[in-house]
Amino acid sequence: MAISTLPVIQALRATAQRLATQAPYQWGHMGSCNCGHLAQTITHLTKAEIHSRAMQRYGDWERQLIDYCPSSGLPIDDTIDEMLAAGFTRQDLAHLERLADPVIRGALPLERRNALRHNQRDDVVLYLRTWADLLEQPLLQAITLPTLLPIPALAPVSAY
């Protein structure tokens, strides 16, 4: 699973928020699908730019990730490079496109898990938020707050 870092969690939450607020979503479009939206967040490219890059090689995101070669010189591989450098793995991205990571799915309520559809906006938003929550948990558990000492009571101040 992706590295549990604040930038990764922020990318997931920002992507979920953009999708939840009705950003254009189209699962069959390389720039507007599940991975396409995360790529928009990470690379700051438009959906059209991502789609154009992906169309220079055959296949959907899963195929692009299988054929990925960091030295190919293809623009889609540069996009994937940025996503990997941000802390995601190729497997994370393949799972995202199909909402298939068993750990993330296992954290969903049973009724939602069994009805999850990879090409439905609300399901993608739920998956992204659940993923961010899972990555956030170890970070929060690692934080130790200092013990605060009680403040001594002050004597009342006279009005004169």
C-alpha atoms as a PDB file:
ATOM      1  CA  MET A   1       0.000   0.000   0.000  1.00  0.00           C
ATOM      2  CA  ALA A   2       1.049   3.601  -0.532  1.00  0.00           C
ATOM      3  CA  ILE A   3       3.490   5.177   1.854  1.00  0.00           C
ATOM      4  CA  SER A   4       1.716   6.649   4.856  1.00  0.00           C
ATOM      5  CA  THR A   5       2.741  10.280   4.486  1.00  0.00           C
ATOM      6  CA  LEU A   6       0.895  13.533   4.777  1.00  0.00           C
ATOM      7  CA  PRO A   7       1.274  14.364   1.026  1.00  0.00           C
ATOM      8  CA  VAL A   8      -0.204  10.971   0.035  1.00  0.00           C
ATOM      9  CA  ILE A   9      -3.114  11.399   2.431  1.00  0.00           C
ATOM     10  CA  GLN A  10      -3.675  14.956   1.231  1.00  0.00           C
ATOM     11  CA  ALA A  11      -3.680  13.802  -2.409  1.00  0.00           C
ATOM     12  CA  LEU A  12      -6.294  11.154  -1.645  1.00  0.00           C
ATOM     13  CA  ARG A  13      -8.489  13.561   0.330  1.00  0.00           C
ATOM     14  CA  ALA A  14      -8.178  16.340  -2.274  1.00  0.00           C
ATOM     15  CA  THR A  15      -9.121  13.917  -5.044  1.00  0.00           C
ATOM     16  CA  ALA A  16     -12.104  12.629  -3.066  1.00  0.00           C
ATOM     17  CA  GLN A  17     -13.228  16.189  -2.321  1.00  0.00           C
ATOM     18  CA  ARG A  18     -12.990  17.239  -5.963  1.00  0.00           C
ATOM     19  CA  LEU A  19     -15.013  14.201  -7.023  1.00  0.00           C
ATOM     20  CA  ALA A  20     -17.561  14.742  -4.255  1.00  0.00           C
ATOM     21  CA  THR A  21     -18.137  18.302  -5.431  1.00  0.00           C
ATOM     22  CA  GLN A  22     -19.134  17.138  -8.900  1.00  0.00           C
ATOM     23  CA  ALA A  23     -15.911  17.385 -10.909  1.00  0.00           C
ATOM     24  CA  PRO A  24     -16.452  15.770 -14.328  1.00  0.00           C
ATOM     25  CA  TYR A  25     -16.246  12.000 -13.885  1.00  0.00           C
ATOM     26  CA  GLN A  26     -16.171   9.443 -16.652  1.00  0.00           C
ATOM     27  CA  TRP A  27     -14.665   6.059 -15.904  1.00  0.00           C
ATOM     28  CA  GLY A  28     -13.848   5.330 -19.552  1.00  0.00           C
ATOM     29  CA  HIS A  29     -11.844   8.571 -19.989  1.00  0.00           C
ATOM     30  CA  MET A  30      -8.163   8.317 -19.007  1.00  0.00           C
ATOM     31  CA  GLY A  31      -8.150  11.804 -17.474  1.00  0.00           C
ATOM     32  CA  SER A  32     -11.556  11.676 -15.727  1.00  0.00           C
ATOM     33  CA  CYS A  33     -11.539   8.171 -14.276  1.00  0.00           C
ATOM     34  CA  ASN A  34     -10.366   7.004 -10.864  1.00  0.00           C
ATOM     35  CA  CYS A  35      -6.622   7.113 -11.630  1.00  0.00           C
ATOM     36  CA  GLY A  36      -7.084  10.105 -13.908  1.00  0.00           C
ATOM     37  CA  HIS A  37      -8.480  12.166 -11.048  1.00  0.00           C
ATOM     38  CA  LEU A  38      -5.631  11.198  -8.731  1.00  0.00           C
ATOM     39  CA  ALA A  39      -3.198  12.034 -11.541  1.00  0.00           C
ATOM     40  CA  GLN A  40      -4.836  15.470 -11.865  1.00  0.00           C
ATOM     41  CA  THR A  41      -4.286  16.077  -8.154  1.00  0.00           C
ATOM     42  CA  ILE A  42      -0.647  14.989  -8.179  1.00  0.00           C
ATOM     43  CA  THR A  43       0.536  16.378 -11.513  1.00  0.00           C
ATOM     44  CA  HIS A  44      -1.726  19.443 -11.811  1.00  0.00           C
ATOM     45  CA  LEU A  45      -2.384  18.417 -15.420  1.00  0.00           C
ATOM     46  CA  THR A  46      -5.868  18.766 -16.868  1.00  0.00           C
ATOM     47  CA  LYS A  47      -8.012  15.768 -17.676  1.00  0.00           C
ATOM     48  CA  ALA A  48      -7.440  16.480 -21.382  1.00  0.00           C
ATOM     49  CA  GLU A  49      -3.652  16.563 -20.949  1.00  0.00           C
ATOM     50  CA  ILE A  50      -3.651  13.242 -19.064  1.00  0.00           C
ATOM     51  CA  HIS A  51      -5.954  11.649 -21.630  1.00  0.00           C
ATOM     52  CA  SER A  52      -3.770  12.897 -24.492  1.00  0.00           C
ATOM     53  CA  ARG A  53      -0.665  11.470 -22.838  1.00  0.00           C
ATOM     54  CA  ALA A  54      -2.355   8.107 -22.289  1.00  0.00           C
ATOM     55  CA  MET A  55      -3.580   7.856 -25.880  1.00  0.00           C
ATOM     56  CA  GLN A  56       0.004   7.728 -27.143  1.00  0.00           C
ATOM     57  CA  ARG A  57       0.114   4.103 -26.018  1.00  0.00           C
ATOM     58  CA  TYR A  58      -2.570   1.429 -26.147  1.00  0.00           C
ATOM     59  CA  GLY A  59      -4.700   0.495 -23.147  1.00  0.00           C
ATOM     60  CA  ASP A  60      -6.505   1.589 -20.023  1.00  0.00           C
ATOM     61  CA  TRP A  61      -4.752   2.504 -16.767  1.00  0.00           C
ATOM     62  CA  GLU A  62      -4.183  -1.144 -15.876  1.00  0.00           C
ATOM     63  CA  ARG A  63      -2.471  -1.788 -19.229  1.00  0.00           C
ATOM     64  CA  GLN A  64      -0.522   1.487 -18.970  1.00  0.00           C
ATOM     65  CA  LEU A  65       0.746   0.430 -15.535  1.00  0.00           C
ATOM     66  CA  ILE A  66       1.794  -3.012 -16.811  1.00  0.00           C
ATOM     67  CA  ASP A  67       3.601  -1.463 -19.794  1.00  0.00           C
ATOM     68  CA  TYR A  68       5.105   1.377 -17.721  1.00  0.00           C
ATOM     69  CA  CYS A  69       8.790   1.979 -18.378  1.00  0.00           C
ATOM     70  CA  PRO A  70      10.483   4.937 -16.665  1.00  0.00           C
ATOM     71  CA  SER A  71      12.903   5.380 -19.566  1.00  0.00           C
ATOM     72  CA  SER A  72      10.385   5.098 -22.411  1.00  0.00           C
ATOM     73  CA  GLY A  73      10.120   8.839 -22.945  1.00  0.00           C
ATOM     74  CA  LEU A  74       6.339   8.500 -23.242  1.00  0.00           C
ATOM     75  CA  PRO A  75       4.414  11.287 -21.536  1.00  0.00           C
ATOM     76  CA  ILE A  76       2.075   8.851 -19.726  1.00  0.00           C
ATOM     77  CA  ASP A  77       5.121   7.218 -18.153  1.00  0.00           C
ATOM     78  CA  ASP A  78       6.205  10.653 -16.938  1.00  0.00           C
ATOM     79  CA  THR A  79       2.754  11.017 -15.363  1.00  0.00           C
ATOM     80  CA  ILE A  80       3.070   7.617 -13.719  1.00  0.00           C
ATOM     81  CA  ASP A  81       6.593   8.584 -12.564  1.00  0.00           C
ATOM     82  CA  GLU A  82       5.128  11.571 -10.703  1.00  0.00           C
ATOM     83  CA  MET A  83       2.475   9.406  -9.071  1.00  0.00           C
ATOM     84  CA  LEU A  84       5.075   6.850  -7.969  1.00  0.00           C
ATOM     85  CA  ALA A  85       7.365   9.600  -6.696  1.00  0.00           C
ATOM     86  CA  ALA A  86       4.448  10.966  -4.645  1.00  0.00           C
ATOM     87  CA  GLY A  87       4.364   7.661  -2.735  1.00  0.00           C
ATOM     88  CA  PHE A  88       1.944   5.420  -4.628  1.00  0.00           C
ATOM     89  CA  THR A  89       2.804   2.028  -6.121  1.00  0.00           C
ATOM     90  CA  ARG A  90       1.781   0.633  -9.485  1.00  0.00           C
ATOM     91  CA  GLN A  91      -0.368  -1.885  -7.638  1.00  0.00           C
ATOM     92  CA  ASP A  92      -2.075   0.944  -5.686  1.00  0.00           C
ATOM     93  CA  LEU A  93      -2.990   2.637  -8.952  1.00  0.00           C
ATOM     94  CA  ALA A  94      -4.223  -0.584 -10.569  1.00  0.00           C
ATOM     95  CA  HIS A  95      -6.339  -1.280  -7.482  1.00  0.00           C
ATOM     96  CA  LEU A  96      -7.694   2.283  -7.533  1.00  0.00           C
ATOM     97  CA  GLU A  97      -8.950   1.939 -11.085  1.00  0.00           C
ATOM     98  CA  ARG A  98     -11.035  -1.099 -10.082  1.00  0.00           C
ATOM     99  CA  LEU A  99     -11.513  -0.235  -6.367  1.00  0.00           C
ATOM    100  CA  ALA A 100      -9.950  -3.602  -5.683  1.00  0.00           C
ATOM    101  CA  ASP A 101      -7.458  -3.296  -2.802  1.00  0.00           C
ATOM    102  CA  PRO A 102      -8.542  -5.998  -0.324  1.00  0.00           C
ATOM    103  CA  VAL A 103      -7.352  -4.021   2.712  1.00  0.00           C
ATOM    104  CA  ILE A 104      -9.309  -0.918   1.716  1.00  0.00           C
ATOM    105  CA  ARG A 105     -12.381  -2.929   0.753  1.00  0.00           C
ATOM    106  CA  GLY A 106     -12.131  -4.805   4.074  1.00  0.00           C
ATOM    107  CA  ALA A 107     -12.345  -1.509   5.965  1.00  0.00           C
ATOM    108  CA  LEU A 108     -15.658  -0.627   4.296  1.00  0.00           C
ATOM    109  CA  PRO A 109     -18.987  -1.517   5.889  1.00  0.00           C
ATOM    110  CA  LEU A 110     -20.062  -4.939   4.602  1.00  0.00           C
ATOM    111  CA  GLU A 111     -23.139  -3.661   2.798  1.00  0.00           C
ATOM    112  CA  ARG A 112     -21.078  -1.043   0.898  1.00  0.00           C
ATOM    113  CA  ARG A 113     -18.185  -3.424   0.264  1.00  0.00           C
ATOM    114  CA  ASN A 114     -20.417  -5.939  -1.468  1.00  0.00           C
ATOM    115  CA  ALA A 115     -22.145  -3.274  -3.582  1.00  0.00           C
ATOM    116  CA  LEU A 116     -19.004  -1.296  -4.514  1.00  0.00           C
ATOM    117  CA  ARG A 117     -18.807  -0.446  -8.215  1.00  0.00           C
ATOM    118  CA  HIS A 118     -15.551   0.776  -9.724  1.00  0.00           C
ATOM    119  CA  ASN A 119     -17.244   3.174 -12.135  1.00  0.00           C
ATOM    120  CA  GLN A 120     -19.556   4.997  -9.706  1.00  0.00           C
ATOM    121  CA  ARG A 121     -18.463   8.402  -8.427  1.00  0.00           C
ATOM    122  CA  ASP A 122     -19.807   7.947  -4.871  1.00  0.00           C
ATOM    123  CA  ASP A 123     -18.077   4.582  -4.541  1.00  0.00           C
ATOM    124  CA  VAL A 124     -14.784   6.091  -5.710  1.00  0.00           C
ATOM    125  CA  VAL A 125     -15.129   8.900  -3.150  1.00  0.00           C
ATOM    126  CA  LEU A 126     -15.801   6.370  -0.376  1.00  0.00           C
ATOM    127  CA  TYR A 127     -12.817   4.253  -1.447  1.00  0.00           C
ATOM    128  CA  LEU A 128     -10.459   7.257  -1.539  1.00  0.00           C
ATOM    129  CA  ARG A 129     -11.592   8.517   1.866  1.00  0.00           C
ATOM    130  CA  THR A 130     -11.320   5.054   3.411  1.00  0.00           C
ATOM    131  CA  TRP A 131      -7.836   4.669   1.956  1.00  0.00           C
ATOM    132  CA  ALA A 132      -6.801   8.045   3.391  1.00  0.00           C
ATOM    133  CA  ASP A 133      -8.231   7.051   6.800  1.00  0.00           C
ATOM    134  CA  LEU A 134      -6.252   3.791   6.768  1.00  0.00           C
ATOM    135  CA  LEU A 135      -3.014   5.608   5.936  1.00  0.00           C
ATOM    136  CA  GLU A 136      -3.706   8.287   8.528  1.00  0.00           C
ATOM    137  CA  GLN A 137      -4.181   5.859  11.447  1.00  0.00           C
ATOM    138  CA  PRO A 138      -0.503   4.923  11.919  1.00  0.00           C
ATOM    139  CA  LEU A 139       0.524   8.569  11.658  1.00  0.00           C
ATOM    140  CA  LEU A 140      -1.946   9.564  14.355  1.00  0.00           C
ATOM    141  CA  GLN A 141      -0.903   6.665  16.587  1.00  0.00           C
ATOM    142  CA  ALA A 142       2.722   7.778  16.345  1.00  0.00           C
ATOM    143  CA  ILE A 143       1.936  11.229  17.703  1.00  0.00           C
ATOM    144  CA  THR A 144       2.515  11.647  21.404  1.00  0.00           C
ATOM    145  CA  LEU A 145       1.220  14.759  23.026  1.00  0.00           C
ATOM    146  CA  PRO A 146       3.097  16.226  25.948  1.00  0.00           C
ATOM    147  CA  THR A 147       1.601  15.870  29.377  1.00  0.00           C
ATOM    148  CA  LEU A 148       0.288  19.236  30.423  1.00  0.00           C
ATOM    149  CA  LEU A 149       0.636  20.279  34.013  1.00  0.00           C
ATOM    150  CA  PRO A 150      -2.350  21.858  35.690  1.00  0.00           C
ATOM    151  CA  ILE A 151      -2.266  25.635  35.849  1.00  0.00           C
ATOM    152  CA  PRO A 152      -2.218  26.881  39.444  1.00  0.00           C
ATOM    153  CA  ALA A 153      -5.328  28.814  40.423  1.00  0.00           C
ATOM    154  CA  LEU A 154      -4.814  32.553  40.457  1.00  0.00           C
ATOM    155  CA  ALA A 155      -5.869  34.642  43.401  1.00  0.00           C
ATOM    156  CA  PRO A 156      -8.910  36.819  42.666  1.00  0.00           C
ATOM    157  CA  VAL A 157      -8.031  40.330  41.614  1.00  0.00           C
ATOM    158  CA  SER A 158      -9.600  43.092  43.641  1.00  0.00           C
ATOM    159  CA  ALA A 159     -11.475  45.863  41.851  1.00  0.00           C
ATOM    160  CA  TYR A 160      -9.663  48.593  43.853  1.00  0.00           C
END
